[in-house]
Amino acid sequence: MAAVDSFEFLYREICLTCGFYRDTLALLGALYAASKAVRLLRSCWSSVRVHFVPRLFPGRSLKHRYGAWAVVYGAWEPLGKAYAEELARHSISIIFVTHDEAAIRDSASSLSQRYPVETLVIVADLSLDPGSTIKLVKEALRDRDVGFLINCVDQSLVSSPQKLLSTDEHQLMALVTRNVASATLMTRLVLPGMVERRRGAVVNVSSGYCCQPLPGRVTLAACTGYMEHFSSALQHEYKHRGLFIQSLQPLQVASGSHGWFVPKPETFAHHAVSTLGVSHRTTGYWPHTLQCGLIRWIPEWIWILGSGWFIASS
């Protein structure tokens, strides 16, 4: 009986000890689950605050908040054209800076006829002749209340997967110059007037696909990474001067057939403009925000396998 009593005693002591550890682990698990729940609720509220509240309860007009003119660099892209048209709907006049006048001329004429705005087209290629381009842009900005600058990344970087060694050196240099150096220079040209008036918004449009490593699109990843950090640093530099800097990172926008997750450029621009003054870094379109959230949850090795298969099949 002594042996049995000793075993029962030992068993009770082990149960008491294990119970303490079990309760501790249960408490830690509950705290971890609660922290995840809080983060999820904060994320949901952030999405509602960015994508829905401004559309339900619009504030002052964009024209009164930022200015009467917008400079759009990259409007030869469908997304740039749609963003310019959405600004025109808000009675904001547009200055187009483009290297392809034929792609913009009809759009500029259409906007001035459909909306109570003026349009101006500056034909310039910052990658070829920055000196003359700077003079043209400065002349266009003189005596105009420019409150917006829209820099659009070349969408061919998104739609055409290409490995680094498959890219011609001159093409690579032109892409980096057009999407990085030119956007930086345009910001440098437009910013002094905004700082003087203590109001203005700079929107740098890149891509949301680079929230995970993206083999086959290293140039896009480099340009997006630059634009994101450039926007963030610029916001910290000039937030006390009344300026609003936004990094806009959409996912796929339709060039043909469209749907809920692949909106028409006009639909996307309508949603994106409503986030001005609300979020410094956003996809601009709430279904894209859901997609980005899911992409970030995917383990990196699965994402790499999937993107490799996509590139191979392209």
C-alpha atoms as a PDB file:
ATOM      1  CA  MET A   1       0.000   0.000   0.000  1.00  0.00           C
ATOM      2  CA  ALA A   2       2.897   2.338   0.719  1.00  0.00           C
ATOM      3  CA  ALA A   3       4.047   1.986  -2.887  1.00  0.00           C
ATOM      4  CA  VAL A   4       0.537   2.687  -4.163  1.00  0.00           C
ATOM      5  CA  ASP A   5       0.188   5.669  -1.839  1.00  0.00           C
ATOM      6  CA  SER A   6       3.532   7.006  -3.068  1.00  0.00           C
ATOM      7  CA  PHE A   7       2.509   6.583  -6.699  1.00  0.00           C
ATOM      8  CA  GLU A   8      -0.796   8.352  -6.150  1.00  0.00           C
ATOM      9  CA  PHE A   9       0.955  11.157  -4.333  1.00  0.00           C
ATOM     10  CA  LEU A  10       3.507  11.510  -7.137  1.00  0.00           C
ATOM     11  CA  TYR A  11       0.743  11.443  -9.732  1.00  0.00           C
ATOM     12  CA  ARG A  12      -1.156  14.218  -7.932  1.00  0.00           C
ATOM     13  CA  GLU A  13       1.978  16.355  -7.722  1.00  0.00           C
ATOM     14  CA  ILE A  14       2.679  15.857 -11.440  1.00  0.00           C
ATOM     15  CA  CYS A  15      -0.903  16.810 -12.281  1.00  0.00           C
ATOM     16  CA  LEU A  16      -0.659  19.933 -10.148  1.00  0.00           C
ATOM     17  CA  THR A  17       2.621  20.934 -11.812  1.00  0.00           C
ATOM     18  CA  CYS A  18       1.324  20.209 -15.316  1.00  0.00           C
ATOM     19  CA  GLY A  19      -1.848  22.078 -14.532  1.00  0.00           C
ATOM     20  CA  PHE A  20       0.186  25.180 -13.722  1.00  0.00           C
ATOM     21  CA  TYR A  21       2.056  24.969 -17.031  1.00  0.00           C
ATOM     22  CA  ARG A  22      -1.163  24.180 -18.884  1.00  0.00           C
ATOM     23  CA  ASP A  23      -2.858  27.222 -17.422  1.00  0.00           C
ATOM     24  CA  THR A  24       0.168  29.376 -18.267  1.00  0.00           C
ATOM     25  CA  LEU A  25       0.225  28.147 -21.859  1.00  0.00           C
ATOM     26  CA  ALA A  26      -3.528  28.651 -22.147  1.00  0.00           C
ATOM     27  CA  LEU A  27      -3.118  32.239 -20.912  1.00  0.00           C
ATOM     28  CA  LEU A  28      -0.329  32.881 -23.419  1.00  0.00           C
ATOM     29  CA  GLY A  29      -2.448  31.386 -26.204  1.00  0.00           C
ATOM     30  CA  ALA A  30      -5.392  33.557 -25.242  1.00  0.00           C
ATOM     31  CA  LEU A  31      -3.200  36.684 -25.229  1.00  0.00           C
ATOM     32  CA  TYR A  32      -1.778  35.768 -28.658  1.00  0.00           C
ATOM     33  CA  ALA A  33      -5.264  35.158 -30.082  1.00  0.00           C
ATOM     34  CA  ALA A  34      -6.482  38.440 -28.591  1.00  0.00           C
ATOM     35  CA  SER A  35      -3.556  40.360 -30.134  1.00  0.00           C
ATOM     36  CA  LYS A  36      -4.306  38.812 -33.544  1.00  0.00           C
ATOM     37  CA  ALA A  37      -7.988  39.702 -33.168  1.00  0.00           C
ATOM     38  CA  VAL A  38      -7.096  43.303 -32.276  1.00  0.00           C
ATOM     39  CA  ARG A  39      -4.790  43.545 -35.307  1.00  0.00           C
ATOM     40  CA  LEU A  40      -7.528  42.156 -37.553  1.00  0.00           C
ATOM     41  CA  LEU A  41     -10.077  44.633 -36.189  1.00  0.00           C
ATOM     42  CA  ARG A  42      -7.629  47.501 -36.637  1.00  0.00           C
ATOM     43  CA  SER A  43      -6.966  46.396 -40.209  1.00  0.00           C
ATOM     44  CA  CYS A  44     -10.694  46.188 -40.940  1.00  0.00           C
ATOM     45  CA  TRP A  45     -11.329  49.610 -39.431  1.00  0.00           C
ATOM     46  CA  SER A  46      -8.401  51.051 -41.395  1.00  0.00           C
ATOM     47  CA  SER A  47      -9.881  49.703 -44.647  1.00  0.00           C
ATOM     48  CA  VAL A  48     -13.303  51.139 -43.787  1.00  0.00           C
ATOM     49  CA  ARG A  49     -11.763  54.497 -42.831  1.00  0.00           C
ATOM     50  CA  VAL A  50      -9.724  54.713 -46.054  1.00  0.00           C
ATOM     51  CA  HIS A  51     -12.093  53.261 -48.650  1.00  0.00           C
ATOM     52  CA  PHE A  52     -15.642  53.886 -47.415  1.00  0.00           C
ATOM     53  CA  VAL A  53     -15.845  56.781 -44.948  1.00  0.00           C
ATOM     54  CA  PRO A  54     -14.508  59.443 -47.403  1.00  0.00           C
ATOM     55  CA  ARG A  55     -17.049  58.368 -50.023  1.00  0.00           C
ATOM     56  CA  LEU A  56     -19.954  58.359 -47.571  1.00  0.00           C
ATOM     57  CA  PHE A  57     -18.955  61.626 -45.868  1.00  0.00           C
ATOM     58  CA  PRO A  58     -16.955  63.721 -48.376  1.00  0.00           C
ATOM     59  CA  GLY A  59     -15.167  66.758 -47.018  1.00  0.00           C
ATOM     60  CA  ARG A  60     -14.195  69.965 -48.780  1.00  0.00           C
ATOM     61  CA  SER A  61     -13.731  69.837 -52.532  1.00  0.00           C
ATOM     62  CA  LEU A  62     -10.319  68.787 -53.809  1.00  0.00           C
ATOM     63  CA  LYS A  63      -9.972  72.092 -55.629  1.00  0.00           C
ATOM     64  CA  HIS A  64     -10.317  74.086 -52.401  1.00  0.00           C
ATOM     65  CA  ARG A  65      -8.132  71.702 -50.405  1.00  0.00           C
ATOM     66  CA  TYR A  66      -5.176  71.465 -52.786  1.00  0.00           C
ATOM     67  CA  GLY A  67      -5.418  73.708 -55.839  1.00  0.00           C
ATOM     68  CA  ALA A  68      -6.980  74.336 -59.245  1.00  0.00           C
ATOM     69  CA  TRP A  69      -4.381  72.618 -61.484  1.00  0.00           C
ATOM     70  CA  ALA A  70      -2.858  69.137 -61.662  1.00  0.00           C
ATOM     71  CA  VAL A  71       0.304  67.984 -63.409  1.00  0.00           C
ATOM     72  CA  VAL A  72       0.012  64.416 -64.715  1.00  0.00           C
ATOM     73  CA  TYR A  73       3.209  62.659 -65.753  1.00  0.00           C
ATOM     74  CA  GLY A  74       2.552  59.282 -67.389  1.00  0.00           C
ATOM     75  CA  ALA A  75      -0.905  60.038 -68.772  1.00  0.00           C
ATOM     76  CA  TRP A  76      -0.128  57.967 -71.869  1.00  0.00           C
ATOM     77  CA  GLU A  77      -0.979  55.018 -69.593  1.00  0.00           C
ATOM     78  CA  PRO A  78      -4.700  54.111 -69.228  1.00  0.00           C
ATOM     79  CA  LEU A  79      -4.467  54.554 -65.454  1.00  0.00           C
ATOM     80  CA  GLY A  80      -2.925  58.022 -65.832  1.00  0.00           C
ATOM     81  CA  LYS A  81      -5.636  59.083 -68.279  1.00  0.00           C
ATOM     82  CA  ALA A  82      -8.381  57.798 -65.979  1.00  0.00           C
ATOM     83  CA  TYR A  83      -6.883  59.602 -62.960  1.00  0.00           C
ATOM     84  CA  ALA A  84      -6.686  62.834 -64.960  1.00  0.00           C
ATOM     85  CA  GLU A  85     -10.324  62.477 -66.007  1.00  0.00           C
ATOM     86  CA  GLU A  86     -11.411  61.863 -62.417  1.00  0.00           C
ATOM     87  CA  LEU A  87      -9.624  65.049 -61.337  1.00  0.00           C
ATOM     88  CA  ALA A  88     -11.321  66.898 -64.206  1.00  0.00           C
ATOM     89  CA  ARG A  89     -14.675  65.696 -62.851  1.00  0.00           C
ATOM     90  CA  HIS A  90     -13.742  67.643 -59.709  1.00  0.00           C
ATOM     91  CA  SER A  91     -13.197  70.791 -61.858  1.00  0.00           C
ATOM     92  CA  ILE A  92      -9.408  70.566 -61.713  1.00  0.00           C
ATOM     93  CA  SER A  93      -7.540  71.662 -64.840  1.00  0.00           C
ATOM     94  CA  ILE A  94      -4.832  69.348 -66.185  1.00  0.00           C
ATOM     95  CA  ILE A  95      -1.265  69.820 -67.435  1.00  0.00           C
ATOM     96  CA  PHE A  96      -0.160  66.676 -69.279  1.00  0.00           C
ATOM     97  CA  VAL A  97       3.581  65.997 -69.478  1.00  0.00           C
ATOM     98  CA  THR A  98       4.185  63.276 -72.070  1.00  0.00           C
ATOM     99  CA  HIS A  99       6.676  62.025 -74.638  1.00  0.00           C
ATOM    100  CA  ASP A 100       3.821  60.856 -76.913  1.00  0.00           C
ATOM    101  CA  GLU A 101       1.574  63.746 -77.908  1.00  0.00           C
ATOM    102  CA  ALA A 102      -0.596  61.571 -80.177  1.00  0.00           C
ATOM    103  CA  ALA A 103      -1.635  59.422 -77.199  1.00  0.00           C
ATOM    104  CA  ILE A 104      -2.764  62.459 -75.197  1.00  0.00           C
ATOM    105  CA  ARG A 105      -4.074  65.023 -77.668  1.00  0.00           C
ATOM    106  CA  ASP A 106      -7.560  63.529 -78.053  1.00  0.00           C
ATOM    107  CA  SER A 107      -7.925  62.902 -74.308  1.00  0.00           C
ATOM    108  CA  ALA A 108      -6.940  66.477 -73.475  1.00  0.00           C
ATOM    109  CA  SER A 109      -9.391  67.895 -76.006  1.00  0.00           C
ATOM    110  CA  SER A 110     -12.160  65.606 -74.726  1.00  0.00           C
ATOM    111  CA  LEU A 111     -11.656  66.680 -71.106  1.00  0.00           C
ATOM    112  CA  SER A 112     -11.845  70.394 -71.921  1.00  0.00           C
ATOM    113  CA  GLN A 113     -15.101  69.798 -73.814  1.00  0.00           C
ATOM    114  CA  ARG A 114     -16.801  67.535 -71.251  1.00  0.00           C
ATOM    115  CA  TYR A 115     -15.781  69.330 -68.056  1.00  0.00           C
ATOM    116  CA  PRO A 116     -15.346  72.989 -67.036  1.00  0.00           C
ATOM    117  CA  VAL A 117     -11.541  72.748 -67.093  1.00  0.00           C
ATOM    118  CA  GLU A 118      -8.535  73.822 -69.130  1.00  0.00           C
ATOM    119  CA  THR A 119      -5.946  71.380 -70.468  1.00  0.00           C
ATOM    120  CA  LEU A 120      -2.353  71.882 -71.523  1.00  0.00           C
ATOM    121  CA  VAL A 121      -0.058  69.315 -73.176  1.00  0.00           C
ATOM    122  CA  ILE A 122       3.720  69.529 -72.753  1.00  0.00           C
ATOM    123  CA  VAL A 123       5.578  67.232 -75.155  1.00  0.00           C
ATOM    124  CA  ALA A 124       8.846  66.282 -73.489  1.00  0.00           C
ATOM    125  CA  ASP A 125      11.011  63.284 -72.751  1.00  0.00           C
ATOM    126  CA  LEU A 126      12.985  63.740 -69.555  1.00  0.00           C
ATOM    127  CA  SER A 127      15.143  60.732 -70.414  1.00  0.00           C
ATOM    128  CA  LEU A 128      16.426  62.375 -73.626  1.00  0.00           C
ATOM    129  CA  ASP A 129      16.543  66.121 -73.076  1.00  0.00           C
ATOM    130  CA  PRO A 130      15.990  67.089 -69.432  1.00  0.00           C
ATOM    131  CA  GLY A 131      17.274  70.642 -69.902  1.00  0.00           C
ATOM    132  CA  SER A 132      14.615  71.791 -72.368  1.00  0.00           C
ATOM    133  CA  THR A 133      11.951  69.809 -70.515  1.00  0.00           C
ATOM    134  CA  ILE A 134      12.714  71.616 -67.264  1.00  0.00           C
ATOM    135  CA  LYS A 135      12.269  74.977 -69.005  1.00  0.00           C
ATOM    136  CA  LEU A 136       8.960  73.919 -70.560  1.00  0.00           C
ATOM    137  CA  VAL A 137       7.570  72.603 -67.260  1.00  0.00           C
ATOM    138  CA  LYS A 138       8.661  75.682 -65.288  1.00  0.00           C
ATOM    139  CA  GLU A 139       7.046  77.941 -67.881  1.00  0.00           C
ATOM    140  CA  ALA A 140       3.788  75.953 -67.666  1.00  0.00           C
ATOM    141  CA  LEU A 141       3.777  76.122 -63.857  1.00  0.00           C
ATOM    142  CA  ARG A 142       4.294  79.875 -63.688  1.00  0.00           C
ATOM    143  CA  ASP A 143       1.283  81.757 -62.249  1.00  0.00           C
ATOM    144  CA  ARG A 144      -0.805  78.589 -61.963  1.00  0.00           C
ATOM    145  CA  ASP A 145      -2.234  77.231 -58.718  1.00  0.00           C
ATOM    146  CA  VAL A 146      -0.834  73.698 -59.134  1.00  0.00           C
ATOM    147  CA  GLY A 147      -2.111  71.537 -56.296  1.00  0.00           C
ATOM    148  CA  PHE A 148      -1.577  68.029 -57.654  1.00  0.00           C
ATOM    149  CA  LEU A 149       1.261  66.025 -59.152  1.00  0.00           C
ATOM    150  CA  ILE A 150       0.518  62.505 -60.429  1.00  0.00           C
ATOM    151  CA  ASN A 151       3.524  60.327 -61.338  1.00  0.00           C
ATOM    152  CA  CYS A 152       2.587  57.031 -63.036  1.00  0.00           C
ATOM    153  CA  VAL A 153       4.917  54.042 -63.398  1.00  0.00           C
ATOM    154  CA  ASP A 154       5.079  52.558 -66.901  1.00  0.00           C
ATOM    155  CA  GLN A 155       2.446  49.783 -66.887  1.00  0.00           C
ATOM    156  CA  SER A 156       4.478  47.703 -69.362  1.00  0.00           C
ATOM    157  CA  LEU A 157       6.613  46.793 -66.348  1.00  0.00           C
ATOM    158  CA  VAL A 158       3.520  45.179 -64.806  1.00  0.00           C
ATOM    159  CA  SER A 159       2.049  43.480 -67.856  1.00  0.00           C
ATOM    160  CA  SER A 160       5.252  42.078 -69.422  1.00  0.00           C
ATOM    161  CA  PRO A 161       7.298  39.715 -67.201  1.00  0.00           C
ATOM    162  CA  GLN A 162      10.954  39.843 -68.194  1.00  0.00           C
ATOM    163  CA  LYS A 163      14.094  38.656 -66.458  1.00  0.00           C
ATOM    164  CA  LEU A 164      16.893  41.144 -65.905  1.00  0.00           C
ATOM    165  CA  LEU A 165      19.345  39.517 -68.342  1.00  0.00           C
ATOM    166  CA  SER A 166      16.630  39.415 -71.010  1.00  0.00           C
ATOM    167  CA  THR A 167      16.281  43.205 -70.893  1.00  0.00           C
ATOM    168  CA  ASP A 168      18.340  45.275 -73.298  1.00  0.00           C
ATOM    169  CA  GLU A 169      20.733  47.651 -71.502  1.00  0.00           C
ATOM    170  CA  HIS A 170      19.430  50.759 -73.279  1.00  0.00           C
ATOM    171  CA  GLN A 171      15.811  49.732 -72.658  1.00  0.00           C
ATOM    172  CA  LEU A 172      16.611  49.121 -68.998  1.00  0.00           C
ATOM    173  CA  MET A 173      18.221  52.532 -68.631  1.00  0.00           C
ATOM    174  CA  ALA A 174      15.271  54.213 -70.350  1.00  0.00           C
ATOM    175  CA  LEU A 175      12.776  52.419 -68.086  1.00  0.00           C
ATOM    176  CA  VAL A 176      14.612  53.350 -64.898  1.00  0.00           C
ATOM    177  CA  THR A 177      15.058  56.959 -66.071  1.00  0.00           C
ATOM    178  CA  ARG A 178      11.409  57.312 -67.103  1.00  0.00           C
ATOM    179  CA  ASN A 179      10.003  55.741 -63.942  1.00  0.00           C
ATOM    180  CA  VAL A 180      12.466  56.835 -61.254  1.00  0.00           C
ATOM    181  CA  ALA A 181      14.581  59.808 -62.309  1.00  0.00           C
ATOM    182  CA  SER A 182      11.774  61.564 -64.203  1.00  0.00           C
ATOM    183  CA  ALA A 183       9.255  61.172 -61.365  1.00  0.00           C
ATOM    184  CA  THR A 184      11.823  62.538 -58.910  1.00  0.00           C
ATOM    185  CA  LEU A 185      12.626  65.475 -61.181  1.00  0.00           C
ATOM    186  CA  MET A 186       8.941  66.269 -61.761  1.00  0.00           C
ATOM    187  CA  THR A 187       8.436  66.327 -57.993  1.00  0.00           C
ATOM    188  CA  ARG A 188      11.406  68.681 -57.630  1.00  0.00           C
ATOM    189  CA  LEU A 189       9.905  71.043 -60.213  1.00  0.00           C
ATOM    190  CA  VAL A 190       6.366  71.112 -58.810  1.00  0.00           C
ATOM    191  CA  LEU A 191       7.154  71.092 -55.087  1.00  0.00           C
ATOM    192  CA  PRO A 192       8.383  74.713 -54.594  1.00  0.00           C
ATOM    193  CA  GLY A 193       5.011  76.200 -55.563  1.00  0.00           C
ATOM    194  CA  MET A 194       3.179  73.784 -53.267  1.00  0.00           C
ATOM    195  CA  VAL A 195       5.487  74.616 -50.364  1.00  0.00           C
ATOM    196  CA  GLU A 196       5.015  78.345 -50.981  1.00  0.00           C
ATOM    197  CA  ARG A 197       1.215  77.978 -50.958  1.00  0.00           C
ATOM    198  CA  ARG A 198       1.403  75.449 -48.078  1.00  0.00           C
ATOM    199  CA  ARG A 199      -0.923  72.998 -49.787  1.00  0.00           C
ATOM    200  CA  GLY A 200      -0.699  70.294 -52.426  1.00  0.00           C
ATOM    201  CA  ALA A 201      -0.819  66.546 -53.063  1.00  0.00           C
ATOM    202  CA  VAL A 202       1.775  64.318 -54.748  1.00  0.00           C
ATOM    203  CA  VAL A 203       0.576  60.852 -55.844  1.00  0.00           C
ATOM    204  CA  ASN A 204       3.179  58.313 -56.952  1.00  0.00           C
ATOM    205  CA  VAL A 205       1.454  55.419 -58.740  1.00  0.00           C
ATOM    206  CA  SER A 206       3.437  52.166 -58.830  1.00  0.00           C
ATOM    207  CA  SER A 207       2.290  48.572 -58.212  1.00  0.00           C
ATOM    208  CA  GLY A 208       0.998  46.488 -55.313  1.00  0.00           C
ATOM    209  CA  TYR A 209       2.383  43.247 -56.724  1.00  0.00           C
ATOM    210  CA  CYS A 210       5.722  43.869 -55.053  1.00  0.00           C
ATOM    211  CA  CYS A 211       4.439  43.253 -51.526  1.00  0.00           C
ATOM    212  CA  GLN A 212       6.190  39.886 -52.044  1.00  0.00           C
ATOM    213  CA  PRO A 213       9.397  39.146 -54.023  1.00  0.00           C
ATOM    214  CA  LEU A 214       8.561  39.014 -57.722  1.00  0.00           C
ATOM    215  CA  PRO A 215      11.037  37.127 -59.950  1.00  0.00           C
ATOM    216  CA  GLY A 216      10.752  38.156 -63.585  1.00  0.00           C
ATOM    217  CA  ARG A 217       9.795  41.707 -62.685  1.00  0.00           C
ATOM    218  CA  VAL A 218      12.913  42.964 -60.973  1.00  0.00           C
ATOM    219  CA  THR A 219      12.740  46.349 -62.739  1.00  0.00           C
ATOM    220  CA  LEU A 220       9.172  46.820 -61.525  1.00  0.00           C
ATOM    221  CA  ALA A 221      10.230  45.783 -58.006  1.00  0.00           C
ATOM    222  CA  ALA A 222      13.106  48.265 -58.055  1.00  0.00           C
ATOM    223  CA  CYS A 223      10.941  51.146 -59.322  1.00  0.00           C
ATOM    224  CA  THR A 224       8.123  50.343 -56.875  1.00  0.00           C
ATOM    225  CA  GLY A 225      10.521  50.072 -53.934  1.00  0.00           C
ATOM    226  CA  TYR A 226      12.077  53.414 -54.835  1.00  0.00           C
ATOM    227  CA  MET A 227       8.729  55.166 -55.278  1.00  0.00           C
ATOM    228  CA  GLU A 228       7.393  53.800 -51.999  1.00  0.00           C
ATOM    229  CA  HIS A 229      10.386  54.919 -49.920  1.00  0.00           C
ATOM    230  CA  PHE A 230      10.656  58.185 -51.855  1.00  0.00           C
ATOM    231  CA  SER A 231       7.000  58.931 -51.027  1.00  0.00           C
ATOM    232  CA  SER A 232       7.444  58.037 -47.365  1.00  0.00           C
ATOM    233  CA  ALA A 233      10.573  60.166 -46.937  1.00  0.00           C
ATOM    234  CA  LEU A 234       8.986  63.076 -48.810  1.00  0.00           C
ATOM    235  CA  GLN A 235       5.920  62.928 -46.559  1.00  0.00           C
ATOM    236  CA  HIS A 236       8.097  63.185 -43.440  1.00  0.00           C
ATOM    237  CA  GLU A 237      10.066  66.068 -44.960  1.00  0.00           C
ATOM    238  CA  TYR A 238       7.066  68.186 -45.955  1.00  0.00           C
ATOM    239  CA  LYS A 239       4.144  67.107 -43.773  1.00  0.00           C
ATOM    240  CA  HIS A 240       4.564  70.279 -41.697  1.00  0.00           C
ATOM    241  CA  ARG A 241       4.320  72.393 -44.886  1.00  0.00           C
ATOM    242  CA  GLY A 242       0.732  71.364 -45.564  1.00  0.00           C
ATOM    243  CA  LEU A 243       1.588  68.781 -48.259  1.00  0.00           C
ATOM    244  CA  PHE A 244       0.100  65.317 -48.656  1.00  0.00           C
ATOM    245  CA  ILE A 245       2.249  62.602 -50.282  1.00  0.00           C
ATOM    246  CA  GLN A 246       0.663  59.306 -51.289  1.00  0.00           C
ATOM    247  CA  SER A 247       2.146  56.047 -52.563  1.00  0.00           C
ATOM    248  CA  LEU A 248      -0.632  54.475 -54.649  1.00  0.00           C
ATOM    249  CA  GLN A 249      -0.048  50.759 -55.287  1.00  0.00           C
ATOM    250  CA  PRO A 250      -2.827  49.127 -57.332  1.00  0.00           C
ATOM    251  CA  LEU A 251      -2.931  45.531 -58.466  1.00  0.00           C
ATOM    252  CA  GLN A 252      -4.291  44.581 -61.884  1.00  0.00           C
ATOM    253  CA  VAL A 253      -6.396  47.167 -63.691  1.00  0.00           C
ATOM    254  CA  ALA A 254      -8.319  46.061 -66.775  1.00  0.00           C
ATOM    255  CA  SER A 255      -7.184  46.895 -70.269  1.00  0.00           C
ATOM    256  CA  GLY A 256     -10.018  44.820 -71.773  1.00  0.00           C
ATOM    257  CA  SER A 257     -12.464  42.638 -69.873  1.00  0.00           C
ATOM    258  CA  HIS A 258     -13.006  43.706 -66.292  1.00  0.00           C
ATOM    259  CA  GLY A 259     -14.478  42.410 -63.061  1.00  0.00           C
ATOM    260  CA  TRP A 260     -14.664  42.985 -59.340  1.00  0.00           C
ATOM    261  CA  PHE A 261     -10.938  42.396 -58.661  1.00  0.00           C
ATOM    262  CA  VAL A 262      -9.853  43.739 -62.070  1.00  0.00           C
ATOM    263  CA  PRO A 263     -11.648  47.094 -62.367  1.00  0.00           C
ATOM    264  CA  LYS A 264     -11.770  49.434 -65.325  1.00  0.00           C
ATOM    265  CA  PRO A 265      -9.249  52.301 -65.052  1.00  0.00           C
ATOM    266  CA  GLU A 266     -12.153  54.752 -64.578  1.00  0.00           C
ATOM    267  CA  THR A 267     -13.586  52.713 -61.695  1.00  0.00           C
ATOM    268  CA  PHE A 268     -10.205  52.432 -60.025  1.00  0.00           C
ATOM    269  CA  ALA A 269      -9.483  56.158 -60.400  1.00  0.00           C
ATOM    270  CA  HIS A 270     -12.875  57.040 -58.875  1.00  0.00           C
ATOM    271  CA  HIS A 271     -12.040  54.978 -55.778  1.00  0.00           C
ATOM    272  CA  ALA A 272      -8.402  56.103 -55.618  1.00  0.00           C
ATOM    273  CA  VAL A 273      -9.108  59.841 -55.693  1.00  0.00           C
ATOM    274  CA  SER A 274     -11.393  59.454 -52.658  1.00  0.00           C
ATOM    275  CA  THR A 275      -8.367  58.305 -50.592  1.00  0.00           C
ATOM    276  CA  LEU A 276      -6.527  61.611 -51.089  1.00  0.00           C
ATOM    277  CA  GLY A 277      -5.859  63.195 -47.724  1.00  0.00           C
ATOM    278  CA  VAL A 278      -6.727  59.967 -45.912  1.00  0.00           C
ATOM    279  CA  SER A 279      -3.968  57.387 -46.487  1.00  0.00           C
ATOM    280  CA  HIS A 280      -0.312  57.872 -47.393  1.00  0.00           C
ATOM    281  CA  ARG A 281       0.091  54.295 -48.639  1.00  0.00           C
ATOM    282  CA  THR A 282      -2.832  52.454 -50.204  1.00  0.00           C
ATOM    283  CA  THR A 283      -3.931  50.299 -53.111  1.00  0.00           C
ATOM    284  CA  GLY A 284      -6.659  52.866 -53.795  1.00  0.00           C
ATOM    285  CA  TYR A 285      -9.323  50.198 -54.347  1.00  0.00           C
ATOM    286  CA  TRP A 286     -10.713  48.100 -51.504  1.00  0.00           C
ATOM    287  CA  PRO A 287     -10.840  44.707 -53.342  1.00  0.00           C
ATOM    288  CA  HIS A 288      -7.141  45.227 -54.104  1.00  0.00           C
ATOM    289  CA  THR A 289      -6.543  45.859 -50.409  1.00  0.00           C
ATOM    290  CA  LEU A 290      -8.147  42.497 -49.655  1.00  0.00           C
ATOM    291  CA  GLN A 291      -5.944  40.855 -52.283  1.00  0.00           C
ATOM    292  CA  CYS A 292      -2.784  42.437 -50.856  1.00  0.00           C
ATOM    293  CA  GLY A 293      -3.732  41.241 -47.380  1.00  0.00           C
ATOM    294  CA  LEU A 294      -4.100  37.685 -48.672  1.00  0.00           C
ATOM    295  CA  ILE A 295      -0.828  37.888 -50.631  1.00  0.00           C
ATOM    296  CA  ARG A 296       1.055  38.894 -47.474  1.00  0.00           C
ATOM    297  CA  TRP A 297      -0.338  35.801 -45.692  1.00  0.00           C
ATOM    298  CA  ILE A 298       1.013  33.443 -48.373  1.00  0.00           C
ATOM    299  CA  PRO A 299       4.339  31.843 -47.357  1.00  0.00           C
ATOM    300  CA  GLU A 300       7.137  33.253 -49.491  1.00  0.00           C
ATOM    301  CA  TRP A 301       8.219  29.887 -50.931  1.00  0.00           C
ATOM    302  CA  ILE A 302       4.670  29.205 -52.175  1.00  0.00           C
ATOM    303  CA  TRP A 303       4.495  32.682 -53.690  1.00  0.00           C
ATOM    304  CA  ILE A 304       7.843  32.173 -55.461  1.00  0.00           C
ATOM    305  CA  LEU A 305       6.688  28.832 -56.890  1.00  0.00           C
ATOM    306  CA  GLY A 306       3.439  30.366 -58.093  1.00  0.00           C
ATOM    307  CA  SER A 307       5.097  33.401 -59.674  1.00  0.00           C
ATOM    308  CA  GLY A 308       7.689  31.140 -61.358  1.00  0.00           C
ATOM    309  CA  TRP A 309       4.894  29.054 -62.892  1.00  0.00           C
ATOM    310  CA  PHE A 310       3.104  32.215 -64.042  1.00  0.00           C
ATOM    311  CA  ILE A 311       6.215  33.597 -65.723  1.00  0.00           C
ATOM    312  CA  ALA A 312       6.967  30.271 -67.396  1.00  0.00           C
ATOM    313  CA  SER A 313       3.446  30.129 -68.818  1.00  0.00           C
ATOM    314  CA  SER A 314       3.473  33.759 -70.009  1.00  0.00           C
END
